[in-house]
Amino acid sequence: MNVFSKFSYLVRSSLSKGFTRFARKVKGYMYLILALIFTAGILADTFKFHFTGNMRQAGVDMMVKYRFLVPKPDKDIVIVDIDEASLAEMAAEYGRWPWPRQVMGEFVKQIEKQHPQAIVFDIIFSDPDVYNPDSDKYFNDEIATTDNTYFPMLRLDPFDDQHSQLNPALIPGAEPAGEGEVFGDATIAMLMPYFQSVQESGRMGLSNIDPDADGVTRQYQAYRVEYGWKFPSLPLRVAEGLKFPPMNQQHVFLNWRGPAFTYHSVSFSKVFTDFTNKKKSRPQDEFTNKIVIIGSTASGLFDVKPTPLSKAHPGVEILATAIDNFKHGDYLRIPDSRGAYLIITLLVIWLTAWAFYRDTFREKLDPIFGASQVILIAVSYGSINLTNTYINLTGPVTLSLAFFTVARLYALAARSVLERSAVRVSLQQGNTHHGVLMLVNLSAPPGALNAGVREKIRGALLKVGSAGKSVEILKGVQKDLWNLFENTFAISWITAESDEAGRQRIEEDIAQIRQAILPILRKYYMASGSDVAITVQQGEIHSGAQGSGQWQALFGQALANRSD
């Protein structure tokens, strides 16, 4: 044995001995200790660290992405897409993007003839076109004739507020929030539409899309409150103009209608070309009573955001989703019920710990715990499919599963240490015992009984009778020698040499096992009476090496007397 092997053996041996001493000292209380440790960590995370927040976000993403009942996109919302094809087709006559504003003015003029509900721009016209002032004037004049066009504005970095000269009171649509102090002399950095007709109309709203801390867009701000002023978002401004149900939530979780490119979309260049042709090929009521959103999915314009459904979700579709949600009032409600989730998590953990500690439902603990997790997941999954309220039980499921895994690993590692072995007890104690050994051998084809089935049989045998006993599964290391050990269960009892009542209880246990063995085997393995061989041997057992030899003698006699 080389130095490394010796060192490895010493480490493993020390760890094994240390764990054995530890397990024998704490015994089954370890499950309760683990529950206390988990409880402390969960409480600290709930009220201080919030590490499980990422778990909840991941849970929302998974449920949203894989739900089976997805709400349909509103058929009255149409996206006019400035896509890659439009950029290429329009370039020959109007140059590269951005096109002259006259193009947009003419587009609005033609769409208005079809009487849409609203025309919503997802394009910020923040600066004048110094090379085409007439084009800007044409666009401004066309917008002035409308009462259903809506435009975005953009909230800039608050750091730039100190350099701005724009007072919140001067922003059309801004109003006192009605809570807290209103800072009348504050300045705010805001990118607003350049055109006078747009500002006079007041049909403007913020188009900021604010992702969560992990960069994924899940929510939309219906409005912002800054310096005591309330600034509506573009979807909220559209909702107010079209008399949608009132919006009271400041932040809403978007109820996605599907992955990217779910909404009905038409190419800007194709529609514009048809508008300018004398012979029309498109329906002349294509946009009648529609909410028309003009935006871009062209990758070169970089208006994409990560969402739970796509790594590159077009911003115009996020805007469409928000307007759709506000129209139907079906945005997701995700209650921040930390108290309820905390109670559920701790309840599952402590019930599981108690079951381990009391060794309750030994055979059924795994399926019972698994069923509890399936129920929690089913509640979450069902809520997001059947309602607009998502009951996010990702945290309770993940944390209780983590506890169960640790507890199960400890149970497997400590089983041989924690279970009372009649042989070990008799050898360690100084007095003389009366020992009884029962061998139960099942004749089965090789591999017919896997480790899981044998463990279930062992657990069932432990529950038969009232006298203290140990049940061990013998390993078939010598199965080529007359198949002596394959599928054999060794049941052992000890009692004081002079304890007649103890001997009587053992005899009663033996009789009960003989009656119960076939039902047990039939439950876990199709067995008949001819498949089972039972032998019982008993004798005087001393402590130490002498007792070890006496147990070996009982084992040898039991094998010799085994009947098939």
Protein backbone atom coordinates (compact mmCIF):
# COMPACT_ATOMS: atom_id res chain seq x y z
CA MET A 1 0.00 0.00 0.00
CA ASN A 2 1.54 3.32 -1.08
CA VAL A 3 1.59 6.51 0.98
CA PHE A 4 -1.42 8.01 -0.77
CA SER A 5 -3.49 4.87 -0.25
CA LYS A 6 -2.54 4.76 3.44
CA PHE A 7 -3.42 8.42 3.86
CA SER A 8 -6.71 7.93 2.03
CA TYR A 9 -7.53 4.93 4.20
CA LEU A 10 -6.73 6.85 7.40
CA VAL A 11 -8.90 9.79 6.33
CA ARG A 12 -11.82 7.54 5.41
CA SER A 13 -11.42 5.53 8.57
CA SER A 14 -11.30 8.66 10.74
CA LEU A 15 -14.33 10.15 9.04
CA SER A 16 -16.23 6.89 9.40
CA LYS A 17 -15.41 6.59 13.10
CA GLY A 18 -16.20 10.26 13.68
CA PHE A 19 -19.55 9.95 11.93
CA THR A 20 -20.36 6.77 13.86
CA ARG A 21 -19.67 8.49 17.21
CA PHE A 22 -21.66 11.53 16.13
CA ALA A 23 -24.64 9.50 14.89
CA ARG A 24 -24.75 7.40 18.04
CA LYS A 25 -24.67 10.52 20.16
CA VAL A 26 -27.38 12.55 18.40
CA LYS A 27 -29.37 9.52 17.16
CA GLY A 28 -32.69 10.47 15.58
CA TYR A 29 -32.51 13.96 17.07
CA MET A 30 -30.38 14.87 14.07
CA TYR A 31 -33.55 15.26 11.97
CA LEU A 32 -34.89 17.82 14.42
CA ILE A 33 -31.51 19.57 14.50
CA LEU A 34 -31.56 19.76 10.70
CA ALA A 35 -35.09 21.19 10.82
CA LEU A 36 -33.91 23.87 13.26
CA ILE A 37 -30.95 24.76 11.00
CA PHE A 38 -33.22 25.01 7.94
CA THR A 39 -35.75 27.04 9.92
CA ALA A 40 -33.11 29.56 10.99
CA GLY A 41 -31.81 29.88 7.45
CA ILE A 42 -35.30 30.26 5.96
CA LEU A 43 -36.28 32.93 8.49
CA ALA A 44 -33.06 34.84 7.85
CA ASP A 45 -33.60 34.67 4.10
CA THR A 46 -37.28 35.65 4.33
CA PHE A 47 -36.71 38.77 6.41
CA LYS A 48 -33.13 39.76 5.53
CA PHE A 49 -31.25 38.22 2.62
CA HIS A 50 -33.96 37.24 0.09
CA PHE A 51 -31.76 34.71 -1.72
CA THR A 52 -34.83 32.63 -2.62
CA GLY A 53 -36.15 35.54 -4.68
CA ASN A 54 -34.23 34.18 -7.68
CA MET A 55 -35.91 30.82 -7.12
CA ARG A 56 -39.32 32.45 -7.26
CA GLN A 57 -38.40 34.31 -10.43
CA ALA A 58 -37.18 31.09 -12.04
CA GLY A 59 -40.43 29.44 -10.97
CA VAL A 60 -42.50 32.18 -12.60
CA ASP A 61 -40.49 31.89 -15.82
CA MET A 62 -40.86 28.10 -16.00
CA MET A 63 -44.61 28.14 -15.28
CA VAL A 64 -45.24 30.93 -17.81
CA LYS A 65 -43.16 29.28 -20.50
CA TYR A 66 -44.67 25.80 -20.17
CA ARG A 67 -48.29 26.48 -19.25
CA PHE A 68 -50.91 24.70 -21.37
CA LEU A 69 -53.64 27.37 -21.32
CA VAL A 70 -52.15 30.49 -22.91
CA PRO A 71 -54.42 33.54 -23.35
CA LYS A 72 -54.88 34.54 -26.97
CA PRO A 73 -53.55 37.88 -28.22
CA ASP A 74 -56.23 40.49 -28.80
CA LYS A 75 -57.27 40.41 -32.46
CA ASP A 76 -57.81 44.16 -32.43
CA ILE A 77 -54.14 44.86 -31.73
CA VAL A 78 -52.06 45.04 -34.91
CA ILE A 79 -48.35 45.74 -35.16
CA VAL A 80 -47.10 47.64 -38.19
CA ASP A 81 -43.57 46.35 -38.23
CA ILE A 82 -40.59 48.31 -39.45
CA ASP A 83 -38.78 45.06 -40.11
CA GLU A 84 -35.57 44.31 -41.98
CA ALA A 85 -37.49 43.98 -45.24
CA SER A 86 -39.05 47.43 -44.76
CA LEU A 87 -35.66 49.01 -44.09
CA ALA A 88 -34.30 47.46 -47.29
CA GLU A 89 -37.30 48.25 -49.50
CA MET A 90 -37.71 51.85 -48.32
CA ALA A 91 -34.00 52.68 -48.55
CA ALA A 92 -34.03 53.20 -52.32
CA GLU A 93 -36.48 56.13 -52.15
CA TYR A 94 -36.21 57.42 -48.58
CA GLY A 95 -32.68 56.51 -47.55
CA ARG A 96 -31.50 54.75 -44.45
CA TRP A 97 -33.36 54.89 -41.15
CA PRO A 98 -34.60 57.23 -39.81
CA TRP A 99 -36.80 58.17 -42.76
CA PRO A 100 -38.13 61.70 -43.29
CA ARG A 101 -41.05 62.45 -40.96
CA GLN A 102 -43.28 63.03 -43.98
CA VAL A 103 -43.33 59.25 -44.44
CA MET A 104 -44.84 58.79 -40.99
CA GLY A 105 -47.20 61.72 -41.52
CA GLU A 106 -48.52 60.20 -44.74
CA PHE A 107 -48.81 56.81 -43.07
CA VAL A 108 -50.92 58.27 -40.25
CA LYS A 109 -53.08 60.16 -42.73
CA GLN A 110 -53.88 57.01 -44.69
CA ILE A 111 -54.54 54.83 -41.64
CA GLU A 112 -56.87 57.48 -40.17
CA LYS A 113 -59.11 57.08 -43.22
CA GLN A 114 -59.90 53.56 -41.93
CA HIS A 115 -60.91 54.87 -38.48
CA PRO A 116 -58.67 52.90 -36.11
CA GLN A 117 -59.26 53.02 -32.37
CA ALA A 118 -55.74 54.32 -31.79
CA ILE A 119 -52.38 54.74 -33.48
CA VAL A 120 -49.56 54.12 -31.02
CA PHE A 121 -46.00 54.97 -31.94
CA ASP A 122 -43.20 52.93 -30.37
CA ILE A 123 -40.76 55.44 -31.88
CA ILE A 124 -39.45 58.51 -30.05
CA PHE A 125 -39.35 61.66 -32.19
CA SER A 126 -37.08 63.60 -29.87
CA ASP A 127 -35.17 65.85 -32.26
CA PRO A 128 -35.99 67.95 -35.32
CA ASP A 129 -34.89 66.82 -38.76
CA VAL A 130 -32.69 69.82 -39.55
CA TYR A 131 -32.33 68.71 -43.19
CA ASN A 132 -36.08 68.34 -43.78
CA PRO A 133 -37.97 71.05 -41.87
CA ASP A 134 -40.89 70.86 -44.32
CA SER A 135 -41.15 67.15 -43.63
CA ASP A 136 -41.33 67.83 -39.90
CA LYS A 137 -44.02 70.46 -40.46
CA TYR A 138 -46.09 68.02 -42.52
CA PHE A 139 -45.91 65.41 -39.78
CA ASN A 140 -46.78 67.97 -37.09
CA ASP A 141 -49.79 69.21 -39.06
CA GLU A 142 -51.10 65.69 -39.65
CA ILE A 143 -50.84 64.79 -35.97
CA ALA A 144 -52.68 68.00 -35.07
CA THR A 145 -55.74 66.74 -36.97
CA THR A 146 -55.92 63.50 -34.97
CA ASP A 147 -57.34 62.72 -31.56
CA ASN A 148 -56.22 59.10 -31.27
CA THR A 149 -52.45 59.15 -31.80
CA TYR A 150 -50.16 58.31 -28.88
CA PHE A 151 -46.43 58.87 -28.48
CA PRO A 152 -43.70 57.63 -26.13
CA MET A 153 -41.37 59.60 -23.95
CA LEU A 154 -38.37 58.21 -22.12
CA ARG A 155 -37.25 58.68 -18.52
CA LEU A 156 -33.49 59.20 -18.53
CA ASP A 157 -30.98 58.33 -15.81
CA PRO A 158 -31.91 60.16 -12.56
CA PHE A 159 -28.25 61.17 -12.30
CA ASP A 160 -28.93 63.59 -15.17
CA ASP A 161 -31.78 65.34 -13.32
CA GLN A 162 -29.34 67.91 -11.93
CA HIS A 163 -28.40 68.93 -15.47
CA SER A 164 -31.99 69.16 -16.74
CA GLN A 165 -34.07 72.33 -16.94
CA LEU A 166 -37.38 70.50 -17.37
CA ASN A 167 -39.81 70.91 -14.48
CA PRO A 168 -42.24 67.98 -13.91
CA ALA A 169 -45.20 70.38 -13.87
CA LEU A 170 -44.42 71.30 -17.51
CA ILE A 171 -44.71 67.71 -18.77
CA PRO A 172 -48.15 67.11 -20.35
CA GLY A 173 -50.03 64.38 -18.49
CA ALA A 174 -48.00 64.69 -15.29
CA GLU A 175 -50.07 65.26 -12.18
CA PRO A 176 -49.44 65.34 -8.42
CA ALA A 177 -49.33 61.81 -7.10
CA GLY A 178 -51.44 62.70 -4.10
CA GLU A 179 -49.03 61.11 -1.66
CA GLY A 180 -45.95 62.64 -0.12
CA GLU A 181 -44.41 66.01 -0.83
CA VAL A 182 -44.58 67.60 -4.28
CA PHE A 183 -41.25 69.18 -5.25
CA GLY A 184 -42.35 72.09 -7.38
CA ASP A 185 -38.82 73.31 -8.12
CA ALA A 186 -37.42 69.88 -9.06
CA THR A 187 -36.00 69.15 -12.49
CA ILE A 188 -36.21 65.83 -14.27
CA ALA A 189 -34.30 64.33 -17.20
CA MET A 190 -36.88 63.23 -19.75
CA LEU A 191 -36.69 62.58 -23.49
CA MET A 192 -39.92 63.97 -24.95
CA PRO A 193 -41.46 64.19 -28.42
CA TYR A 194 -40.21 67.23 -30.27
CA PHE A 195 -43.44 68.13 -32.04
CA GLN A 196 -45.69 70.84 -30.66
CA SER A 197 -48.90 69.10 -31.74
CA VAL A 198 -47.89 65.99 -29.76
CA GLN A 199 -47.11 67.96 -26.60
CA GLU A 200 -50.33 69.94 -26.86
CA SER A 201 -52.37 66.77 -27.25
CA GLY A 202 -50.97 65.35 -24.01
CA ARG A 203 -51.25 61.84 -25.47
CA MET A 204 -47.79 60.84 -24.28
CA GLY A 205 -46.57 58.19 -21.90
CA LEU A 206 -43.36 56.62 -20.68
CA SER A 207 -42.04 53.74 -22.75
CA ASN A 208 -39.34 52.62 -20.31
CA ILE A 209 -39.07 48.86 -19.95
CA ASP A 210 -37.37 48.03 -16.68
CA PRO A 211 -36.06 44.47 -16.34
CA ASP A 212 -35.69 42.70 -13.02
CA ALA A 213 -32.30 42.39 -11.32
CA ASP A 214 -31.39 39.40 -13.50
CA GLY A 215 -32.03 41.35 -16.70
CA VAL A 216 -35.31 39.62 -17.59
CA THR A 217 -38.43 41.67 -18.28
CA ARG A 218 -41.37 40.31 -16.28
CA GLN A 219 -43.13 43.48 -15.14
CA TYR A 220 -44.36 46.73 -16.59
CA GLN A 221 -44.71 49.99 -14.70
CA ALA A 222 -48.17 51.41 -15.26
CA TYR A 223 -46.89 54.71 -13.94
CA ARG A 224 -43.94 56.23 -12.11
CA VAL A 225 -43.94 58.53 -9.11
CA GLU A 226 -40.99 60.91 -8.85
CA TYR A 227 -40.61 64.16 -6.92
CA GLY A 228 -44.25 63.80 -5.89
CA TRP A 229 -45.44 63.69 -9.53
CA LYS A 230 -47.16 60.80 -11.31
CA PHE A 231 -46.04 60.03 -14.86
CA PRO A 232 -48.24 57.53 -16.78
CA SER A 233 -46.79 54.90 -19.05
CA LEU A 234 -47.70 54.78 -22.73
CA PRO A 235 -49.99 51.72 -22.26
CA LEU A 236 -51.75 53.50 -19.37
CA ARG A 237 -52.22 56.64 -21.49
CA VAL A 238 -53.77 54.50 -24.24
CA ALA A 239 -55.96 52.73 -21.67
CA GLU A 240 -57.21 56.06 -20.33
CA GLY A 241 -57.89 57.42 -23.81
CA LEU A 242 -59.83 54.32 -24.88
CA LYS A 243 -61.73 54.03 -21.57
CA PHE A 244 -60.26 50.69 -20.54
CA PRO A 245 -60.93 49.47 -16.96
CA PRO A 246 -59.15 51.68 -14.40
CA MET A 247 -55.59 50.68 -13.51
CA ASN A 248 -54.72 50.91 -9.82
CA GLN A 249 -51.55 48.80 -9.79
CA GLN A 250 -48.27 50.61 -10.26
CA HIS A 251 -46.30 47.49 -11.17
CA VAL A 252 -47.93 44.61 -13.05
CA PHE A 253 -46.61 41.20 -14.04
CA LEU A 254 -47.22 40.79 -17.75
CA ASN A 255 -49.54 37.98 -18.76
CA TRP A 256 -47.71 36.92 -21.90
CA ARG A 257 -49.76 35.86 -24.91
CA GLY A 258 -47.00 33.67 -26.26
CA PRO A 259 -43.43 33.85 -27.53
CA ALA A 260 -42.03 36.59 -29.73
CA PHE A 261 -44.01 37.41 -32.90
CA THR A 262 -47.33 36.28 -31.43
CA TYR A 263 -49.35 39.38 -32.32
CA HIS A 264 -50.76 39.92 -35.78
CA SER A 265 -48.13 41.88 -37.65
CA VAL A 266 -47.89 43.53 -41.09
CA SER A 267 -44.78 44.88 -42.79
CA PHE A 268 -44.58 48.68 -42.84
CA SER A 269 -43.21 48.85 -46.39
CA LYS A 270 -45.96 46.65 -47.83
CA VAL A 271 -48.72 48.70 -46.20
CA PHE A 272 -47.10 52.01 -47.14
CA THR A 273 -46.57 50.91 -50.73
CA ASP A 274 -50.24 49.91 -50.99
CA PHE A 275 -51.27 53.31 -49.59
CA THR A 276 -49.33 55.08 -52.37
CA ASN A 277 -50.59 52.83 -55.19
CA LYS A 278 -53.66 53.86 -57.16
CA LYS A 279 -54.79 50.25 -57.37
CA LYS A 280 -55.20 48.90 -53.85
CA SER A 281 -54.48 45.27 -53.07
CA ARG A 282 -55.02 45.30 -49.31
CA PRO A 283 -58.39 45.43 -47.53
CA GLN A 284 -59.56 49.01 -47.07
CA ASP A 285 -60.85 48.22 -43.59
CA GLU A 286 -57.67 46.44 -42.48
CA PHE A 287 -57.17 48.82 -39.55
CA THR A 288 -60.77 49.74 -38.79
CA ASN A 289 -61.41 49.66 -35.02
CA LYS A 290 -57.89 48.38 -34.46
CA ILE A 291 -55.20 49.52 -32.06
CA VAL A 292 -52.33 50.05 -34.48
CA ILE A 293 -48.85 49.98 -32.96
CA ILE A 294 -46.05 51.26 -35.16
CA GLY A 295 -42.69 49.87 -34.07
CA SER A 296 -39.74 47.81 -35.15
CA THR A 297 -38.55 44.22 -34.86
CA ALA A 298 -35.50 44.86 -37.04
CA SER A 299 -32.44 43.56 -35.21
CA GLY A 300 -30.40 46.52 -36.42
CA LEU A 301 -32.53 48.91 -34.35
CA PHE A 302 -31.74 47.00 -31.15
CA ASP A 303 -35.21 47.17 -29.59
CA VAL A 304 -35.19 43.70 -27.99
CA LYS A 305 -35.38 42.55 -24.36
CA PRO A 306 -35.02 39.18 -22.60
CA THR A 307 -38.34 37.84 -21.28
CA PRO A 308 -39.42 34.53 -19.71
CA LEU A 309 -40.42 33.35 -23.21
CA SER A 310 -37.55 34.62 -25.33
CA LYS A 311 -33.99 35.86 -25.02
CA ALA A 312 -34.71 38.50 -27.66
CA HIS A 313 -38.31 39.68 -27.35
CA PRO A 314 -39.12 42.73 -29.55
CA GLY A 315 -39.90 45.81 -27.51
CA VAL A 316 -42.94 46.55 -29.68
CA GLU A 317 -44.45 43.18 -28.69
CA ILE A 318 -43.83 43.92 -25.02
CA LEU A 319 -45.72 47.20 -25.54
CA ALA A 320 -48.53 45.29 -27.29
CA THR A 321 -48.68 42.80 -24.41
CA ALA A 322 -48.95 45.61 -21.85
CA ILE A 323 -51.77 47.33 -23.79
CA ASP A 324 -53.52 43.96 -24.16
CA ASN A 325 -53.20 43.31 -20.40
CA PHE A 326 -54.48 46.78 -19.51
CA LYS A 327 -57.42 46.44 -21.89
CA HIS A 328 -58.61 43.14 -20.41
CA GLY A 329 -57.35 43.68 -16.86
CA ASP A 330 -55.87 40.17 -16.93
CA TYR A 331 -52.26 40.93 -16.01
CA LEU A 332 -50.81 38.38 -13.59
CA ARG A 333 -51.42 38.84 -9.89
CA ILE A 334 -48.56 37.35 -7.91
CA PRO A 335 -49.29 37.92 -4.22
CA ASP A 336 -46.27 38.68 -2.06
CA SER A 337 -47.52 36.22 0.56
CA ARG A 338 -44.21 35.65 2.26
CA GLY A 339 -45.93 34.76 5.51
CA ALA A 340 -48.11 32.08 3.92
CA TYR A 341 -45.19 30.64 1.93
CA LEU A 342 -43.07 30.62 5.09
CA ILE A 343 -45.72 28.69 7.01
CA ILE A 344 -46.13 26.14 4.19
CA THR A 345 -42.36 25.61 3.93
CA LEU A 346 -41.83 25.16 7.66
CA LEU A 347 -44.89 22.92 7.96
CA VAL A 348 -43.61 20.53 5.29
CA ILE A 349 -40.08 20.53 6.72
CA TRP A 350 -41.15 19.89 10.33
CA LEU A 351 -43.67 17.20 9.40
CA THR A 352 -40.96 15.49 7.37
CA ALA A 353 -38.43 15.84 10.21
CA TRP A 354 -40.92 14.40 12.69
CA ALA A 355 -41.65 11.44 10.40
CA PHE A 356 -37.92 10.70 10.14
CA TYR A 357 -37.44 11.14 13.89
CA ARG A 358 -40.34 8.87 14.83
CA ASP A 359 -39.50 6.47 12.00
CA THR A 360 -43.11 6.85 10.90
CA PHE A 361 -44.27 5.59 7.52
CA ARG A 362 -40.80 4.12 6.88
CA GLU A 363 -41.92 2.46 3.66
CA LYS A 364 -44.28 5.20 2.56
CA LEU A 365 -42.30 8.30 3.57
CA ASP A 366 -40.70 8.77 0.15
CA PRO A 367 -43.97 8.50 -1.84
CA ILE A 368 -45.87 10.60 0.72
CA PHE A 369 -43.27 13.35 0.57
CA GLY A 370 -43.15 13.09 -3.23
CA ALA A 371 -46.94 13.40 -3.35
CA SER A 372 -46.80 16.55 -1.20
CA GLN A 373 -44.37 18.15 -3.64
CA VAL A 374 -46.50 17.14 -6.62
CA ILE A 375 -49.53 18.73 -4.94
CA LEU A 376 -47.66 22.00 -4.32
CA ILE A 377 -46.41 22.10 -7.92
CA ALA A 378 -49.91 21.25 -9.20
CA VAL A 379 -51.38 24.14 -7.20
CA SER A 380 -48.82 26.54 -8.72
CA TYR A 381 -49.23 25.19 -12.24
CA GLY A 382 -53.00 25.08 -12.01
CA SER A 383 -53.23 28.64 -10.70
CA ILE A 384 -51.32 30.15 -13.61
CA ASN A 385 -53.28 28.13 -16.16
CA LEU A 386 -56.78 28.51 -14.76
CA THR A 387 -56.63 31.97 -13.17
CA ASN A 388 -54.77 35.27 -13.41
CA THR A 389 -53.39 34.82 -9.90
CA TYR A 390 -50.16 32.84 -9.70
CA ILE A 391 -49.59 31.08 -6.39
CA ASN A 392 -45.83 30.84 -6.43
CA LEU A 393 -44.87 27.78 -4.36
CA THR A 394 -41.42 27.39 -5.92
CA GLY A 395 -39.71 28.39 -2.67
CA PRO A 396 -41.58 25.87 -0.44
CA VAL A 397 -41.00 23.08 -2.96
CA THR A 398 -37.30 23.78 -3.42
CA LEU A 399 -36.50 24.27 0.28
CA SER A 400 -38.50 21.27 1.51
CA LEU A 401 -36.93 19.12 -1.21
CA ALA A 402 -33.48 20.29 -0.09
CA PHE A 403 -34.31 19.35 3.51
CA PHE A 404 -35.67 15.95 2.50
CA THR A 405 -32.53 15.21 0.46
CA VAL A 406 -30.22 16.02 3.37
CA ALA A 407 -32.37 14.06 5.84
CA ARG A 408 -32.58 11.05 3.51
CA LEU A 409 -28.80 11.05 2.98
CA TYR A 410 -28.27 11.15 6.74
CA ALA A 411 -30.79 8.33 7.22
CA LEU A 412 -29.00 6.15 4.67
CA ALA A 413 -25.57 6.88 6.12
CA ALA A 414 -26.62 6.41 9.76
CA ARG A 415 -29.01 3.49 9.38
CA SER A 416 -26.53 0.81 10.32
CA VAL A 417 -25.35 2.91 13.28
CA LEU A 418 -28.75 3.95 14.61
CA GLU A 419 -30.57 0.66 14.27
CA ARG A 420 -30.25 -1.64 17.25
CA SER A 421 -28.28 -4.75 16.30
CA ALA A 422 -28.91 -7.73 18.57
CA VAL A 423 -25.54 -9.22 17.63
CA ARG A 424 -23.63 -6.01 18.40
CA VAL A 425 -25.43 -5.49 21.70
CA SER A 426 -24.73 -9.05 22.86
CA LEU A 427 -21.03 -8.74 22.05
CA GLN A 428 -20.61 -5.35 23.73
CA GLN A 429 -22.41 -6.12 26.99
CA GLY A 430 -20.66 -8.16 29.64
CA ASN A 431 -23.44 -10.47 30.76
CA THR A 432 -24.63 -13.70 29.15
CA HIS A 433 -27.62 -13.62 26.77
CA HIS A 434 -29.96 -16.02 25.15
CA GLY A 435 -29.69 -15.48 21.39
CA VAL A 436 -32.12 -16.47 18.66
CA LEU A 437 -31.37 -16.41 14.94
CA MET A 438 -33.98 -16.83 12.19
CA LEU A 439 -32.94 -17.10 8.54
CA VAL A 440 -35.57 -16.37 5.91
CA ASN A 441 -34.38 -17.34 2.45
CA LEU A 442 -36.35 -16.57 -0.70
CA SER A 443 -35.70 -18.67 -3.77
CA ALA A 444 -35.78 -16.20 -6.65
CA PRO A 445 -34.00 -15.90 -10.00
CA PRO A 446 -30.78 -13.86 -9.89
CA GLY A 447 -31.56 -10.14 -9.95
CA ALA A 448 -35.30 -10.67 -9.37
CA LEU A 449 -35.12 -8.88 -6.02
CA ASN A 450 -33.43 -5.53 -6.34
CA ALA A 451 -32.09 -3.54 -3.38
CA GLY A 452 -35.26 -1.48 -3.10
CA VAL A 453 -37.54 -4.51 -2.87
CA ARG A 454 -35.29 -6.21 -0.31
CA GLU A 455 -35.28 -3.06 1.81
CA LYS A 456 -39.09 -2.90 1.75
CA ILE A 457 -39.28 -6.55 2.87
CA ARG A 458 -36.76 -5.83 5.65
CA GLY A 459 -38.79 -2.84 6.85
CA ALA A 460 -41.99 -4.89 6.91
CA LEU A 461 -40.31 -7.69 8.93
CA LEU A 462 -39.11 -5.14 11.49
CA LYS A 463 -42.71 -4.15 12.20
CA VAL A 464 -43.90 -7.70 12.96
CA GLY A 465 -44.04 -8.65 16.64
CA SER A 466 -43.34 -6.79 19.85
CA ALA A 467 -39.91 -8.02 21.01
CA GLY A 468 -36.84 -5.98 20.15
CA LYS A 469 -35.00 -7.47 17.20
CA SER A 470 -32.77 -6.62 14.26
CA VAL A 471 -33.30 -7.57 10.63
CA GLU A 472 -30.37 -7.60 8.23
CA ILE A 473 -30.08 -8.35 4.54
CA LEU A 474 -27.23 -10.77 3.88
CA LYS A 475 -25.08 -9.94 0.91
CA GLY A 476 -24.74 -12.63 -1.74
CA VAL A 477 -20.97 -12.49 -1.91
CA GLN A 478 -20.78 -16.32 -1.93
CA LYS A 479 -23.84 -16.96 -4.05
CA ASP A 480 -21.87 -19.26 -6.37
CA LEU A 481 -21.37 -21.61 -3.41
CA TRP A 482 -24.80 -23.32 -3.28
CA ASN A 483 -26.50 -19.89 -3.39
CA LEU A 484 -26.17 -19.76 0.42
CA PHE A 485 -26.74 -16.03 1.00
CA GLU A 486 -28.66 -14.72 -1.98
CA ASN A 487 -31.97 -13.08 -0.90
CA THR A 488 -31.56 -14.11 2.75
CA PHE A 489 -32.86 -12.09 5.71
CA ALA A 490 -31.24 -12.68 9.12
CA ILE A 491 -33.52 -11.86 12.08
CA SER A 492 -31.89 -11.89 15.51
CA TRP A 493 -33.13 -11.46 19.10
CA ILE A 494 -31.40 -11.42 22.45
CA THR A 495 -32.77 -11.55 25.97
CA ALA A 496 -31.29 -12.11 29.39
CA GLU A 497 -30.45 -15.75 30.04
CA SER A 498 -32.91 -15.91 32.95
CA ASP A 499 -35.69 -13.83 31.34
CA GLU A 500 -38.42 -16.37 30.65
CA ALA A 501 -40.94 -13.66 29.70
CA GLY A 502 -38.47 -12.32 27.14
CA ARG A 503 -38.05 -15.78 25.63
CA GLN A 504 -41.82 -16.12 25.43
CA ARG A 505 -42.12 -12.81 23.53
CA ILE A 506 -39.46 -13.98 21.08
CA GLU A 507 -41.36 -17.25 20.50
CA GLU A 508 -44.51 -15.24 19.83
CA ASP A 509 -42.59 -13.03 17.39
CA ILE A 510 -41.27 -16.08 15.55
CA ALA A 511 -44.81 -17.44 15.18
CA GLN A 512 -46.09 -14.08 13.92
CA ILE A 513 -43.27 -13.82 11.39
CA ARG A 514 -44.02 -17.30 10.07
CA GLN A 515 -47.61 -16.20 9.51
CA ALA A 516 -46.75 -12.79 8.05
CA ILE A 517 -43.85 -13.75 5.78
CA LEU A 518 -45.89 -14.94 2.78
CA PRO A 519 -48.26 -11.92 2.73
CA ILE A 520 -45.23 -9.64 2.97
CA LEU A 521 -43.42 -11.39 0.14
CA ARG A 522 -46.53 -11.48 -2.03
CA LYS A 523 -46.95 -7.75 -1.51
CA TYR A 524 -43.50 -6.92 -2.84
CA TYR A 525 -42.68 -10.03 -4.87
CA MET A 526 -44.83 -12.82 -6.32
CA ALA A 527 -43.88 -15.67 -3.99
CA SER A 528 -45.44 -19.02 -2.99
CA GLY A 529 -44.85 -21.22 0.05
CA SER A 530 -42.36 -23.35 -1.85
CA ASP A 531 -40.21 -20.26 -2.50
CA VAL A 532 -39.51 -19.62 1.18
CA ALA A 533 -37.16 -21.49 3.53
CA ILE A 534 -37.21 -20.59 7.25
CA THR A 535 -34.85 -21.94 9.90
CA VAL A 536 -34.52 -20.93 13.57
CA GLN A 537 -31.54 -21.60 15.82
CA GLN A 538 -30.97 -20.46 19.42
CA GLY A 539 -28.36 -20.79 22.13
CA GLU A 540 -26.26 -19.13 24.81
CA ILE A 541 -24.31 -16.01 23.77
CA HIS A 542 -21.40 -14.48 25.70
CA SER A 543 -19.73 -11.12 25.11
CA GLY A 544 -16.58 -10.47 23.14
CA ALA A 545 -14.79 -12.90 20.84
CA GLN A 546 -16.47 -15.92 22.45
CA GLY A 547 -19.90 -14.52 21.62
CA SER A 548 -18.85 -13.83 18.04
CA GLY A 549 -17.96 -17.50 17.62
CA GLN A 550 -21.28 -18.53 19.18
CA TRP A 551 -23.23 -16.38 16.71
CA GLN A 552 -21.23 -17.93 13.87
CA ALA A 553 -22.10 -21.39 15.20
CA LEU A 554 -25.82 -20.49 15.27
CA PHE A 555 -25.55 -19.21 11.72
CA GLY A 556 -23.80 -22.38 10.53
CA GLN A 557 -26.38 -24.61 12.23
CA ALA A 558 -29.21 -22.60 10.69
CA LEU A 559 -27.72 -23.06 7.23
CA ALA A 560 -27.20 -26.75 7.82
CA ASN A 561 -30.79 -27.23 8.99
CA ARG A 562 -32.33 -25.07 6.25
CA SER A 563 -35.24 -26.83 4.56
CA ASP A 564 -36.37 -26.02 1.03
